[in-house]
Amino acid sequence: MDPRSEIREFLTSRRAKITPEQAGLTSYGSRRVPGLRREEVAVLADVSLPYYTRIERGDMSGVSESVLEALARALQLDEAERAHLFDLARTLRPTSSSRRRRGTQQSIRSSVQHMLDAITAIPAFVRNGRLDILAANRLGRAFYSQHFDSPHQPVNSARFAFLDPRAQSFYLDWESIAKDMVAVLHEAAGRDPYDRALSDLVGELSTRSETFRTFWAAHNVRRHDTGVKSVHHPLVGEVTFTFESMELLADSGLTMFVYTTEPGSKSEQAMNLLASWTATPDEETTGADVIRDGPSAQA
């Protein structure tokens, strides 16, 4: 991915989302497109129009953090968008070491897998920034059985969401979740636009999914730290859960996610049922096997 194109399209898309009225400006005359003009962003950020134009074209040489902060305020960026702007600016500076970064990690240490395996009552898994699911506990594999047995491999949440037709039945609010996934990939691209595997994934999904191309063109970014989701699991039905994330500080770019349900709820009952079906002393049997063969396989 080209960082200059990324910052140009990101800034253009952000100013297109804000009307002069929202920015506290008076609008004069007709407008060919909605949103702020370049000169209005320049006024709000207290920089000259030529200077802002240069920034929007991807020339970040000499741009200070105070200017970036002013642009973030002018464009009313949220926390994730502000961080994305700073990430893109850092990759475009002449002294940037981004090109020398190692790609997003693709494996986990054995001690991390042992930690996952010790979590038995709730789904848990480890993911990298481009949404590859690198490891999971038994219940996590059962919960995401369709991800693991999908013909579209390696296991990746975005690959499943956009290429596997079962995804729209699994995710009850598929469109919202799919947009969030694309926004997470954009955020990852801002941190390291030279991640070859991420570029390959975006290229694959752009080629094979028109919907992905449309969502990607919006240039939205977000973090995926906590929230609530609802799915329709193929074995136990509808489950609404809260997810929490924890960065693995010793493993750059890797995050552990755990899913919990409301105590006493139908979702908790469904998760307990799934856990009982996946509990087995046979270490050769995985959660994905249970979903494929059905609960009778554990009888």
Protein backbone atom coordinates (compact mmCIF):
# COMPACT_ATOMS: atom_id res chain seq x y z
CA MET A 1 0.00 0.00 0.00
CA ASP A 2 1.21 3.50 -0.85
CA PRO A 3 1.26 5.72 2.29
CA ARG A 4 0.98 8.90 0.21
CA SER A 5 -2.21 7.65 -1.40
CA GLU A 6 -3.49 6.46 1.98
CA ILE A 7 -3.07 9.84 3.65
CA ARG A 8 -4.54 11.67 0.65
CA GLU A 9 -7.63 9.48 0.57
CA PHE A 10 -7.98 9.47 4.35
CA LEU A 11 -7.87 13.27 4.70
CA THR A 12 -10.16 13.72 1.71
CA SER A 13 -12.69 11.27 3.13
CA ARG A 14 -12.60 12.91 6.58
CA ARG A 15 -13.24 16.44 5.32
CA ALA A 16 -16.04 15.12 3.10
CA LYS A 17 -17.85 13.93 6.25
CA ILE A 18 -18.02 17.35 7.91
CA THR A 19 -20.32 20.15 6.80
CA PRO A 20 -19.34 23.80 7.29
CA GLU A 21 -22.16 24.11 9.80
CA GLN A 22 -20.76 21.24 11.86
CA ALA A 23 -17.39 22.96 11.80
CA GLY A 24 -18.87 26.28 12.90
CA LEU A 25 -18.37 27.97 9.54
CA THR A 26 -20.76 29.95 7.40
CA SER A 27 -21.39 28.34 4.03
CA TYR A 28 -21.62 30.57 0.97
CA GLY A 29 -22.77 29.54 -2.49
CA SER A 30 -23.50 26.14 -3.93
CA ARG A 31 -21.18 23.18 -3.46
CA ARG A 32 -20.38 20.47 -5.95
CA VAL A 33 -19.62 18.00 -3.18
CA PRO A 34 -20.63 17.85 0.50
CA GLY A 35 -18.17 18.50 3.24
CA LEU A 36 -15.39 20.97 3.81
CA ARG A 37 -13.25 22.51 1.11
CA ARG A 38 -9.49 22.47 1.44
CA GLU A 39 -9.37 26.16 2.19
CA GLU A 40 -11.85 25.70 5.03
CA VAL A 41 -9.75 22.96 6.60
CA ALA A 42 -6.72 25.24 6.29
CA VAL A 43 -8.56 28.04 8.09
CA LEU A 44 -9.73 25.72 10.87
CA ALA A 45 -6.22 24.31 11.33
CA ASP A 46 -4.62 27.77 11.11
CA VAL A 47 -2.29 26.86 8.25
CA SER A 48 -1.98 28.23 4.74
CA LEU A 49 -3.93 26.66 1.89
CA PRO A 50 -0.75 25.67 -0.04
CA TYR A 51 0.63 24.05 3.11
CA TYR A 52 -2.53 22.03 3.73
CA THR A 53 -2.73 21.07 0.05
CA ARG A 54 0.82 19.74 0.25
CA ILE A 55 -0.10 17.67 3.32
CA GLU A 56 -3.21 16.26 1.70
CA ARG A 57 -1.12 15.20 -1.29
CA GLY A 58 1.04 13.13 1.03
CA ASP A 59 4.05 15.40 1.51
CA MET A 60 4.63 15.18 5.27
CA SER A 61 8.20 16.50 5.36
CA GLY A 62 8.59 19.01 8.16
CA VAL A 63 5.01 18.62 9.41
CA SER A 64 5.05 18.97 13.19
CA GLU A 65 2.92 17.17 15.73
CA SER A 66 1.23 20.46 16.59
CA VAL A 67 0.05 20.78 12.98
CA LEU A 68 -1.22 17.22 13.02
CA GLU A 69 -3.09 17.97 16.24
CA ALA A 70 -4.62 21.05 14.62
CA LEU A 71 -5.73 18.98 11.64
CA ALA A 72 -7.21 16.36 13.95
CA ARG A 73 -9.25 19.05 15.69
CA ALA A 74 -10.29 20.70 12.43
CA LEU A 75 -11.50 17.40 11.00
CA GLN A 76 -13.06 16.35 14.31
CA LEU A 77 -11.19 13.05 14.32
CA ASP A 78 -11.95 10.51 17.02
CA GLU A 79 -9.17 8.77 18.95
CA ALA A 80 -8.70 5.96 16.42
CA GLU A 81 -8.69 8.39 13.48
CA ARG A 82 -6.23 10.70 15.20
CA ALA A 83 -3.86 7.79 15.88
CA HIS A 84 -4.23 6.70 12.26
CA LEU A 85 -3.26 10.18 11.02
CA PHE A 86 -0.15 10.17 13.21
CA ASP A 87 0.75 6.64 12.07
CA LEU A 88 0.49 7.63 8.40
CA ALA A 89 2.52 10.78 8.99
CA ARG A 90 5.26 8.78 10.73
CA THR A 91 5.61 6.37 7.80
CA LEU A 92 5.99 9.27 5.38
CA ARG A 93 8.72 11.11 7.24
CA PRO A 94 12.21 10.75 5.74
CA THR A 95 13.57 9.31 9.00
CA SER A 96 10.81 6.73 9.31
CA SER A 97 11.94 3.18 10.03
CA SER A 98 8.64 1.71 8.86
CA ARG A 99 10.17 0.07 5.83
CA ARG A 100 12.45 -1.91 8.11
CA ARG A 101 9.65 -3.20 10.30
CA ARG A 102 9.04 -6.89 10.51
CA GLY A 103 5.64 -8.01 9.28
CA THR A 104 2.81 -8.71 11.66
CA GLN A 105 3.58 -11.78 13.76
CA GLN A 106 2.11 -15.03 12.44
CA SER A 107 2.75 -17.48 15.27
CA ILE A 108 2.49 -17.67 19.05
CA ARG A 109 4.76 -18.96 21.78
CA SER A 110 3.92 -22.28 23.44
CA SER A 111 3.36 -20.53 26.77
CA VAL A 112 0.63 -18.41 25.20
CA GLN A 113 -1.11 -21.55 23.91
CA HIS A 114 -0.82 -23.06 27.39
CA MET A 115 -2.50 -19.94 28.79
CA LEU A 116 -5.31 -20.27 26.25
CA ASP A 117 -5.77 -23.94 27.07
CA ALA A 118 -6.06 -23.11 30.77
CA ILE A 119 -9.14 -20.99 30.00
CA THR A 120 -11.89 -23.59 29.79
CA ALA A 121 -15.18 -21.83 30.57
CA ILE A 122 -15.18 -19.13 27.90
CA PRO A 123 -13.92 -18.77 24.31
CA ALA A 124 -10.48 -17.24 24.00
CA PHE A 125 -8.19 -16.73 21.04
CA VAL A 126 -5.17 -14.76 19.84
CA ARG A 127 -5.27 -12.57 16.75
CA ASN A 128 -2.84 -10.31 14.95
CA GLY A 129 -3.55 -6.88 13.46
CA ARG A 130 -4.70 -8.19 10.09
CA LEU A 131 -7.37 -10.40 11.74
CA ASP A 132 -5.58 -13.74 11.41
CA ILE A 133 -6.72 -16.07 14.20
CA LEU A 134 -3.41 -17.62 15.22
CA ALA A 135 -4.53 -19.77 18.15
CA ALA A 136 -7.58 -20.54 20.28
CA ASN A 137 -8.66 -22.63 23.22
CA ARG A 138 -11.01 -25.58 22.71
CA LEU A 139 -14.16 -23.50 23.23
CA GLY A 140 -12.81 -20.75 21.00
CA ARG A 141 -12.33 -23.24 18.16
CA ALA A 142 -15.85 -24.57 18.70
CA PHE A 143 -17.29 -21.07 18.77
CA TYR A 144 -15.53 -20.16 15.52
CA SER A 145 -15.80 -23.61 13.96
CA GLN A 146 -16.97 -22.19 10.63
CA HIS A 147 -13.91 -19.96 10.49
CA PHE A 148 -11.63 -22.93 11.03
CA ASP A 149 -13.33 -25.26 8.56
CA SER A 150 -13.94 -22.61 5.90
CA PRO A 151 -12.46 -23.37 2.48
CA HIS A 152 -11.04 -19.85 2.53
CA GLN A 153 -7.79 -20.20 4.44
CA PRO A 154 -5.63 -19.29 6.35
CA VAL A 155 -8.08 -18.60 9.19
CA ASN A 156 -8.89 -14.90 9.09
CA SER A 157 -12.02 -13.11 10.31
CA ALA A 158 -12.23 -10.76 7.32
CA ARG A 159 -11.61 -13.57 4.84
CA PHE A 160 -14.49 -15.53 6.43
CA ALA A 161 -16.78 -12.48 6.58
CA PHE A 162 -16.40 -11.50 2.92
CA LEU A 163 -15.76 -14.80 1.15
CA ASP A 164 -17.71 -17.47 3.05
CA PRO A 165 -21.50 -17.21 2.45
CA ARG A 166 -22.17 -18.65 5.91
CA ALA A 167 -20.85 -15.45 7.49
CA GLN A 168 -24.05 -13.49 6.87
CA SER A 169 -26.00 -16.09 8.85
CA PHE A 170 -23.39 -16.34 11.59
CA TYR A 171 -23.11 -12.60 12.27
CA LEU A 172 -26.57 -11.24 13.09
CA ASP A 173 -25.48 -7.70 12.20
CA TRP A 174 -23.19 -8.73 9.38
CA GLU A 175 -22.88 -5.35 7.63
CA SER A 176 -21.89 -3.47 10.78
CA ILE A 177 -19.37 -6.13 11.80
CA ALA A 178 -17.94 -6.37 8.28
CA LYS A 179 -17.46 -2.59 8.18
CA ASP A 180 -15.72 -2.76 11.56
CA MET A 181 -13.37 -5.44 10.25
CA VAL A 182 -12.40 -3.29 7.28
CA ALA A 183 -11.86 -0.33 9.61
CA VAL A 184 -9.56 -2.48 11.77
CA LEU A 185 -7.56 -3.46 8.67
CA HIS A 186 -7.24 0.22 7.72
CA GLU A 187 -5.96 0.99 11.19
CA ALA A 188 -3.39 -1.81 10.84
CA ALA A 189 -2.33 -0.49 7.43
CA GLY A 190 -1.68 2.90 8.98
CA ARG A 191 0.64 1.36 11.57
CA ASP A 192 2.59 -0.58 8.96
CA PRO A 193 1.71 0.07 5.30
CA TYR A 194 4.68 -2.08 4.27
CA ASP A 195 3.24 -5.28 5.79
CA ARG A 196 3.29 -7.48 2.69
CA ALA A 197 0.87 -10.06 4.09
CA LEU A 198 -1.65 -7.33 4.91
CA SER A 199 -1.32 -5.86 1.41
CA ASP A 200 -1.85 -9.33 -0.04
CA LEU A 201 -4.97 -9.85 2.09
CA VAL A 202 -6.45 -6.50 1.05
CA GLY A 203 -5.66 -7.30 -2.56
CA GLU A 204 -7.28 -10.73 -2.30
CA LEU A 205 -10.46 -9.39 -0.72
CA SER A 206 -10.64 -6.41 -3.08
CA THR A 207 -10.40 -8.74 -6.08
CA ARG A 208 -12.98 -11.23 -4.84
CA SER A 209 -15.52 -9.03 -3.03
CA GLU A 210 -17.16 -5.90 -4.42
CA THR A 211 -18.59 -5.20 -0.97
CA PHE A 212 -15.11 -5.22 0.54
CA ARG A 213 -13.92 -2.77 -2.13
CA THR A 214 -16.79 -0.43 -1.29
CA PHE A 215 -16.15 -0.57 2.45
CA TRP A 216 -12.38 -0.16 1.97
CA ALA A 217 -12.89 2.97 -0.13
CA ALA A 218 -14.64 4.66 2.81
CA HIS A 219 -11.28 4.83 4.68
CA ASN A 220 -12.88 4.42 8.09
CA VAL A 221 -10.65 3.31 10.95
CA ARG A 222 -11.40 1.94 14.40
CA ARG A 223 -9.92 -0.03 17.23
CA HIS A 224 -11.35 -3.35 18.32
CA ASP A 225 -10.80 -3.30 22.07
CA THR A 226 -14.17 -4.08 23.65
CA GLY A 227 -17.79 -4.32 22.66
CA VAL A 228 -20.91 -6.45 22.31
CA LYS A 229 -21.74 -8.80 19.43
CA SER A 230 -24.49 -11.24 18.56
CA VAL A 231 -24.05 -14.35 16.45
CA HIS A 232 -26.15 -17.33 15.43
CA HIS A 233 -24.00 -20.33 16.21
CA PRO A 234 -24.73 -23.36 13.99
CA LEU A 235 -25.04 -25.67 17.00
CA VAL A 236 -26.41 -23.69 19.95
CA GLY A 237 -28.24 -20.81 18.25
CA GLU A 238 -28.16 -17.13 19.12
CA VAL A 239 -25.44 -15.92 21.49
CA THR A 240 -24.87 -12.34 22.60
CA PHE A 241 -21.51 -11.75 24.24
CA THR A 242 -19.12 -9.07 25.42
CA PHE A 243 -15.55 -9.19 24.13
CA GLU A 244 -12.50 -7.83 25.90
CA SER A 245 -8.98 -7.62 24.49
CA MET A 246 -5.54 -7.72 26.06
CA GLU A 247 -2.35 -6.93 24.18
CA LEU A 248 0.43 -9.46 24.55
CA LEU A 249 3.24 -7.07 25.39
CA ALA A 250 5.97 -9.62 24.76
CA ASP A 251 4.56 -10.36 21.29
CA SER A 252 4.29 -7.19 19.25
CA GLY A 253 1.03 -6.89 17.36
CA LEU A 254 -0.72 -9.84 19.01
CA THR A 255 -3.90 -9.50 21.06
CA MET A 256 -5.83 -12.00 23.15
CA PHE A 257 -9.63 -11.82 23.08
CA VAL A 258 -12.03 -13.39 25.57
CA TYR A 259 -15.81 -13.65 25.23
CA THR A 260 -18.19 -13.55 28.19
CA THR A 261 -21.97 -13.71 28.46
CA GLU A 262 -24.44 -12.17 30.91
CA PRO A 263 -24.83 -14.44 33.96
CA GLY A 264 -28.16 -16.24 33.95
CA SER A 265 -28.92 -15.34 30.34
CA LYS A 266 -29.92 -17.63 27.48
CA SER A 267 -26.57 -16.78 25.92
CA GLU A 268 -24.78 -18.13 28.99
CA GLN A 269 -26.83 -21.31 28.78
CA ALA A 270 -25.95 -21.67 25.09
CA MET A 271 -22.26 -21.15 25.82
CA ASN A 272 -22.37 -23.66 28.68
CA LEU A 273 -24.02 -26.17 26.36
CA LEU A 274 -21.31 -25.64 23.75
CA ALA A 275 -18.66 -26.04 26.46
CA SER A 276 -20.19 -29.32 27.64
CA TRP A 277 -20.16 -30.71 24.11
CA THR A 278 -16.55 -29.72 23.54
CA ALA A 279 -15.30 -31.04 26.89
CA THR A 280 -13.57 -34.34 26.22
CA PRO A 281 -10.53 -36.22 27.56
CA ASP A 282 -9.63 -37.11 23.96
CA GLU A 283 -7.04 -34.54 23.03
CA GLU A 284 -7.33 -35.56 19.38
CA THR A 285 -10.89 -34.17 19.26
CA THR A 286 -11.19 -30.45 18.60
CA GLY A 287 -14.07 -28.03 18.92
CA ALA A 288 -14.35 -27.94 15.15
CA ASP A 289 -14.80 -31.74 15.16
CA VAL A 290 -17.72 -31.41 17.58
CA ILE A 291 -19.49 -28.90 15.36
CA ARG A 292 -18.91 -30.98 12.25
CA ASP A 293 -20.00 -34.28 13.80
CA GLY A 294 -22.68 -32.94 16.14
CA PRO A 295 -23.17 -33.52 19.89
CA SER A 296 -23.76 -37.22 19.36
CA ALA A 297 -20.03 -37.55 18.69
CA GLN A 298 -19.46 -36.94 22.39
CA ALA A 299 -21.98 -39.51 23.61
